[in-house]
Amino acid sequence: KNIVYQEIPTTAENMKQRFIAAYGTISPETLRNVRASAIERFQCCIDANEHHFEHLL
């Protein structure tokens, strides 16, 4: 977020390029952690029959 918004974006294309550049700085370990967390949250949602589940995390 800090990389993308370090300066005020000038165009939509400029913003897109900043996101692409920032994505390249994310480590594979961080991406694995995000994936694992998302899967855990999806499973909690399924287990709660799509009701509130945040308290189960």
PDB file of N, CA and C in Angstrom:
ATOM      1  N   LYS A   1       0.836  -1.187   0.000  1.00  0.00           N
ATOM      2  CA  LYS A   1       0.000   0.000   0.000  1.00  0.00           C
ATOM      3  C   LYS A   1       0.879   1.248   0.000  1.00  0.00           C
ATOM      4  N   ASN A   2       1.916   1.244   0.821  1.00  0.00           N
ATOM      5  CA  ASN A   2       2.806   2.404   0.872  1.00  0.00           C
ATOM      6  C   ASN A   2       3.533   2.616  -0.447  1.00  0.00           C
ATOM      7  N   ILE A   3       3.856   1.522  -1.125  1.00  0.00           N
ATOM      8  CA  ILE A   3       4.547   1.638  -2.410  1.00  0.00           C
ATOM      9  C   ILE A   3       3.615   2.244  -3.454  1.00  0.00           C
ATOM     10  N   VAL A   4       2.393   1.767  -3.509  1.00  0.00           N
ATOM     11  CA  VAL A   4       1.432   2.225  -4.520  1.00  0.00           C
ATOM     12  C   VAL A   4       1.065   3.687  -4.306  1.00  0.00           C
ATOM     13  N   TYR A   5       0.849   4.068  -3.050  1.00  0.00           N
ATOM     14  CA  TYR A   5       0.370   5.424  -2.761  1.00  0.00           C
ATOM     15  C   TYR A   5       1.466   6.370  -2.281  1.00  0.00           C
ATOM     16  N   GLN A   6       2.728   6.007  -2.532  1.00  0.00           N
ATOM     17  CA  GLN A   6       3.839   6.865  -2.121  1.00  0.00           C
ATOM     18  C   GLN A   6       3.706   8.261  -2.742  1.00  0.00           C
ATOM     19  N   GLU A   7       3.250   8.295  -3.983  1.00  0.00           N
ATOM     20  CA  GLU A   7       2.953   9.552  -4.671  1.00  0.00           C
ATOM     21  C   GLU A   7       1.509   9.477  -5.170  1.00  0.00           C
ATOM     22  N   ILE A   8       0.900  10.617  -5.391  1.00  0.00           N
ATOM     23  CA  ILE A   8      -0.478  10.648  -5.888  1.00  0.00           C
ATOM     24  C   ILE A   8      -0.499  10.119  -7.322  1.00  0.00           C
ATOM     25  N   PRO A   9      -1.355   9.118  -7.603  1.00  0.00           N
ATOM     26  CA  PRO A   9      -1.448   8.587  -8.966  1.00  0.00           C
ATOM     27  C   PRO A   9      -1.940   9.655  -9.933  1.00  0.00           C
ATOM     28  N   THR A  10      -1.411   9.618 -11.150  1.00  0.00           N
ATOM     29  CA  THR A  10      -1.792  10.624 -12.143  1.00  0.00           C
ATOM     30  C   THR A  10      -2.850  10.116 -13.113  1.00  0.00           C
ATOM     31  N   THR A  11      -2.808   8.818 -13.417  1.00  0.00           N
ATOM     32  CA  THR A  11      -3.777   8.223 -14.339  1.00  0.00           C
ATOM     33  C   THR A  11      -4.115   6.810 -13.868  1.00  0.00           C
ATOM     34  N   ALA A  12      -5.128   6.235 -14.476  1.00  0.00           N
ATOM     35  CA  ALA A  12      -5.475   4.849 -14.159  1.00  0.00           C
ATOM     36  C   ALA A  12      -4.333   3.917 -14.556  1.00  0.00           C
ATOM     37  N   GLU A  13      -3.703   4.183 -15.680  1.00  0.00           N
ATOM     38  CA  GLU A  13      -2.571   3.362 -16.130  1.00  0.00           C
ATOM     39  C   GLU A  13      -1.402   3.478 -15.163  1.00  0.00           C
ATOM     40  N   ASN A  14      -1.157   4.682 -14.667  1.00  0.00           N
ATOM     41  CA  ASN A  14      -0.104   4.897 -13.680  1.00  0.00           C
ATOM     42  C   ASN A  14      -0.385   4.076 -12.422  1.00  0.00           C
ATOM     43  N   MET A  15      -1.617   4.082 -11.990  1.00  0.00           N
ATOM     44  CA  MET A  15      -2.007   3.308 -10.808  1.00  0.00           C
ATOM     45  C   MET A  15      -1.809   1.815 -11.063  1.00  0.00           C
ATOM     46  N   LYS A  16      -2.208   1.356 -12.235  1.00  0.00           N
ATOM     47  CA  LYS A  16      -2.051  -0.056 -12.591  1.00  0.00           C
ATOM     48  C   LYS A  16      -0.580  -0.453 -12.540  1.00  0.00           C
ATOM     49  N   GLN A  17       0.289   0.358 -13.100  1.00  0.00           N
ATOM     50  CA  GLN A  17       1.720   0.056 -13.103  1.00  0.00           C
ATOM     51  C   GLN A  17       2.290   0.022 -11.688  1.00  0.00           C
ATOM     52  N   ARG A  18       1.801   0.863 -10.823  1.00  0.00           N
ATOM     53  CA  ARG A  18       2.258   0.853  -9.425  1.00  0.00           C
ATOM     54  C   ARG A  18       1.852  -0.433  -8.721  1.00  0.00           C
ATOM     55  N   PHE A  19       0.627  -0.890  -8.981  1.00  0.00           N
ATOM     56  CA  PHE A  19       0.183  -2.155  -8.390  1.00  0.00           C
ATOM     57  C   PHE A  19       1.048  -3.310  -8.881  1.00  0.00           C
ATOM     58  N   ILE A  20       1.336  -3.329 -10.168  1.00  0.00           N
ATOM     59  CA  ILE A  20       2.165  -4.390 -10.738  1.00  0.00           C
ATOM     60  C   ILE A  20       3.554  -4.369 -10.111  1.00  0.00           C
ATOM     61  N   ALA A  21       4.137  -3.190  -9.975  1.00  0.00           N
ATOM     62  CA  ALA A  21       5.465  -3.070  -9.367  1.00  0.00           C
ATOM     63  C   ALA A  21       5.439  -3.496  -7.904  1.00  0.00           C
ATOM     64  N   ALA A  22       4.410  -3.104  -7.182  1.00  0.00           N
ATOM     65  CA  ALA A  22       4.308  -3.454  -5.764  1.00  0.00           C
ATOM     66  C   ALA A  22       4.114  -4.954  -5.593  1.00  0.00           C
ATOM     67  N   TYR A  23       3.342  -5.567  -6.470  1.00  0.00           N
ATOM     68  CA  TYR A  23       3.104  -7.007  -6.386  1.00  0.00           C
ATOM     69  C   TYR A  23       4.419  -7.774  -6.464  1.00  0.00           C
ATOM     70  N   GLY A  24       5.333  -7.283  -7.278  1.00  0.00           N
ATOM     71  CA  GLY A  24       6.630  -7.937  -7.434  1.00  0.00           C
ATOM     72  C   GLY A  24       7.482  -7.924  -6.181  1.00  0.00           C
ATOM     73  N   THR A  25       7.135  -7.104  -5.209  1.00  0.00           N
ATOM     74  CA  THR A  25       7.923  -7.032  -3.975  1.00  0.00           C
ATOM     75  C   THR A  25       7.390  -7.959  -2.884  1.00  0.00           C
ATOM     76  N   ILE A  26       6.271  -8.629  -3.137  1.00  0.00           N
ATOM     77  CA  ILE A  26       5.678  -9.519  -2.137  1.00  0.00           C
ATOM     78  C   ILE A  26       6.397 -10.859  -2.188  1.00  0.00           C
ATOM     79  N   SER A  27       6.851 -11.328  -1.035  1.00  0.00           N
ATOM     80  CA  SER A  27       7.610 -12.577  -0.982  1.00  0.00           C
ATOM     81  C   SER A  27       6.698 -13.787  -1.190  1.00  0.00           C
ATOM     82  N   PRO A  28       7.256 -14.875  -1.708  1.00  0.00           N
ATOM     83  CA  PRO A  28       6.476 -16.107  -1.855  1.00  0.00           C
ATOM     84  C   PRO A  28       5.907 -16.590  -0.516  1.00  0.00           C
ATOM     85  N   GLU A  29       6.644 -16.403   0.562  1.00  0.00           N
ATOM     86  CA  GLU A  29       6.158 -16.805   1.883  1.00  0.00           C
ATOM     87  C   GLU A  29       4.901 -16.024   2.266  1.00  0.00           C
ATOM     88  N   THR A  30       4.901 -14.732   2.010  1.00  0.00           N
ATOM     89  CA  THR A  30       3.725 -13.911   2.307  1.00  0.00           C
ATOM     90  C   THR A  30       2.531 -14.374   1.485  1.00  0.00           C
ATOM     91  N   LEU A  31       2.746 -14.676   0.215  1.00  0.00           N
ATOM     92  CA  LEU A  31       1.656 -15.155  -0.635  1.00  0.00           C
ATOM     93  C   LEU A  31       1.113 -16.494  -0.133  1.00  0.00           C
ATOM     94  N   ARG A  32       2.001 -17.388   0.327  1.00  0.00           N
ATOM     95  CA  ARG A  32       1.551 -18.666   0.895  1.00  0.00           C
ATOM     96  C   ARG A  32       0.707 -18.430   2.143  1.00  0.00           C
ATOM     97  N   ASN A  33       1.147 -17.497   2.997  1.00  0.00           N
ATOM     98  CA  ASN A  33       0.397 -17.195   4.221  1.00  0.00           C
ATOM     99  C   ASN A  33      -0.983 -16.621   3.907  1.00  0.00           C
ATOM    100  N   VAL A  34      -1.057 -15.749   2.919  1.00  0.00           N
ATOM    101  CA  VAL A  34      -2.339 -15.161   2.516  1.00  0.00           C
ATOM    102  C   VAL A  34      -3.269 -16.254   1.993  1.00  0.00           C
ATOM    103  N   ARG A  35      -2.717 -17.138   1.178  1.00  0.00           N
ATOM    104  CA  ARG A  35      -3.517 -18.242   0.625  1.00  0.00           C
ATOM    105  C   ARG A  35      -4.048 -19.134   1.745  1.00  0.00           C
ATOM    106  N   ALA A  36      -3.187 -19.509   2.679  1.00  0.00           N
ATOM    107  CA  ALA A  36      -3.603 -20.374   3.787  1.00  0.00           C
ATOM    108  C   ALA A  36      -4.676 -19.699   4.641  1.00  0.00           C
ATOM    109  N   SER A  37      -4.520 -18.416   4.889  1.00  0.00           N
ATOM    110  CA  SER A  37      -5.495 -17.669   5.679  1.00  0.00           C
ATOM    111  C   SER A  37      -6.840 -17.605   4.963  1.00  0.00           C
ATOM    112  N   ALA A  38      -6.807 -17.374   3.657  1.00  0.00           N
ATOM    113  CA  ALA A  38      -8.050 -17.306   2.888  1.00  0.00           C
ATOM    114  C   ALA A  38      -8.770 -18.652   2.915  1.00  0.00           C
ATOM    115  N   ILE A  39      -8.022 -19.728   2.742  1.00  0.00           N
ATOM    116  CA  ILE A  39      -8.631 -21.063   2.771  1.00  0.00           C
ATOM    117  C   ILE A  39      -9.262 -21.322   4.132  1.00  0.00           C
ATOM    118  N   GLU A  40      -8.570 -20.941   5.206  1.00  0.00           N
ATOM    119  CA  GLU A  40      -9.115 -21.117   6.555  1.00  0.00           C
ATOM    120  C   GLU A  40     -10.417 -20.327   6.716  1.00  0.00           C
ATOM    121  N   ARG A  41     -10.438 -19.101   6.231  1.00  0.00           N
ATOM    122  CA  ARG A  41     -11.641 -18.270   6.338  1.00  0.00           C
ATOM    123  C   ARG A  41     -12.792 -18.844   5.503  1.00  0.00           C
ATOM    124  N   PHE A  42     -12.480 -19.320   4.304  1.00  0.00           N
ATOM    125  CA  PHE A  42     -13.521 -19.929   3.470  1.00  0.00           C
ATOM    126  C   PHE A  42     -14.115 -21.146   4.164  1.00  0.00           C
ATOM    127  N   GLN A  43     -13.255 -21.966   4.766  1.00  0.00           N
ATOM    128  CA  GLN A  43     -13.743 -23.163   5.448  1.00  0.00           C
ATOM    129  C   GLN A  43     -14.605 -22.789   6.649  1.00  0.00           C
ATOM    130  N   CYS A  44     -14.203 -21.769   7.403  1.00  0.00           N
ATOM    131  CA  CYS A  44     -15.018 -21.313   8.535  1.00  0.00           C
ATOM    132  C   CYS A  44     -16.386 -20.835   8.055  1.00  0.00           C
ATOM    133  N   CYS A  45     -16.418 -20.153   6.934  1.00  0.00           N
ATOM    134  CA  CYS A  45     -17.683 -19.675   6.369  1.00  0.00           C
ATOM    135  C   CYS A  45     -18.570 -20.856   5.989  1.00  0.00           C
ATOM    136  N   ILE A  46     -17.981 -21.857   5.356  1.00  0.00           N
ATOM    137  CA  ILE A  46     -18.733 -23.056   4.978  1.00  0.00           C
ATOM    138  C   ILE A  46     -19.254 -23.758   6.221  1.00  0.00           C
ATOM    139  N   ASP A  47     -18.372 -23.936   7.229  1.00  0.00           N
ATOM    140  CA  ASP A  47     -18.759 -24.624   8.464  1.00  0.00           C
ATOM    141  C   ASP A  47     -19.872 -23.891   9.206  1.00  0.00           C
ATOM    142  N   ALA A  48     -19.919 -22.567   9.063  1.00  0.00           N
ATOM    143  CA  ALA A  48     -20.939 -21.758   9.740  1.00  0.00           C
ATOM    144  C   ALA A  48     -22.185 -21.592   8.869  1.00  0.00           C
ATOM    145  N   ASN A  49     -22.287 -22.397   7.822  1.00  0.00           N
ATOM    146  CA  ASN A  49     -23.425 -22.318   6.895  1.00  0.00           C
ATOM    147  C   ASN A  49     -23.616 -20.908   6.352  1.00  0.00           C
ATOM    148  N   GLU A  50     -22.510 -20.260   6.053  1.00  0.00           N
ATOM    149  CA  GLU A  50     -22.477 -18.925   5.457  1.00  0.00           C
ATOM    150  C   GLU A  50     -23.020 -17.839   6.375  1.00  0.00           C
ATOM    151  N   HIS A  51     -23.057 -18.104   7.684  1.00  0.00           N
ATOM    152  CA  HIS A  51     -23.453 -17.094   8.657  1.00  0.00           C
ATOM    153  C   HIS A  51     -22.198 -16.447   9.232  1.00  0.00           C
ATOM    154  N   HIS A  52     -22.358 -15.637  10.264  1.00  0.00           N
ATOM    155  CA  HIS A  52     -21.209 -14.986  10.893  1.00  0.00           C
ATOM    156  C   HIS A  52     -20.234 -16.041  11.394  1.00  0.00           C
ATOM    157  N   PHE A  53     -18.963 -15.839  11.093  1.00  0.00           N
ATOM    158  CA  PHE A  53     -17.971 -16.827  11.488  1.00  0.00           C
ATOM    159  C   PHE A  53     -16.687 -16.211  12.050  1.00  0.00           C
ATOM    160  N   GLU A  54     -16.594 -14.875  12.055  1.00  0.00           N
ATOM    161  CA  GLU A  54     -15.365 -14.224  12.492  1.00  0.00           C
ATOM    162  C   GLU A  54     -14.968 -14.640  13.902  1.00  0.00           C
ATOM    163  N   HIS A  55     -15.949 -14.889  14.754  1.00  0.00           N
ATOM    164  CA  HIS A  55     -15.654 -15.280  16.136  1.00  0.00           C
ATOM    165  C   HIS A  55     -15.034 -16.675  16.211  1.00  0.00           C
ATOM    166  N   LEU A  56     -15.093 -17.436  15.125  1.00  0.00           N
ATOM    167  CA  LEU A  56     -14.518 -18.777  15.096  1.00  0.00           C
ATOM    168  C   LEU A  56     -13.040 -18.769  14.733  1.00  0.00           C
ATOM    169  N   LEU A  57     -12.559 -17.656  14.259  1.00  0.00           N
ATOM    170  CA  LEU A  57     -11.156 -17.578  13.833  1.00  0.00           C
ATOM    171  C   LEU A  57     -10.216 -17.426  15.002  1.00  0.00           C
TER     172      LEU A  57
END
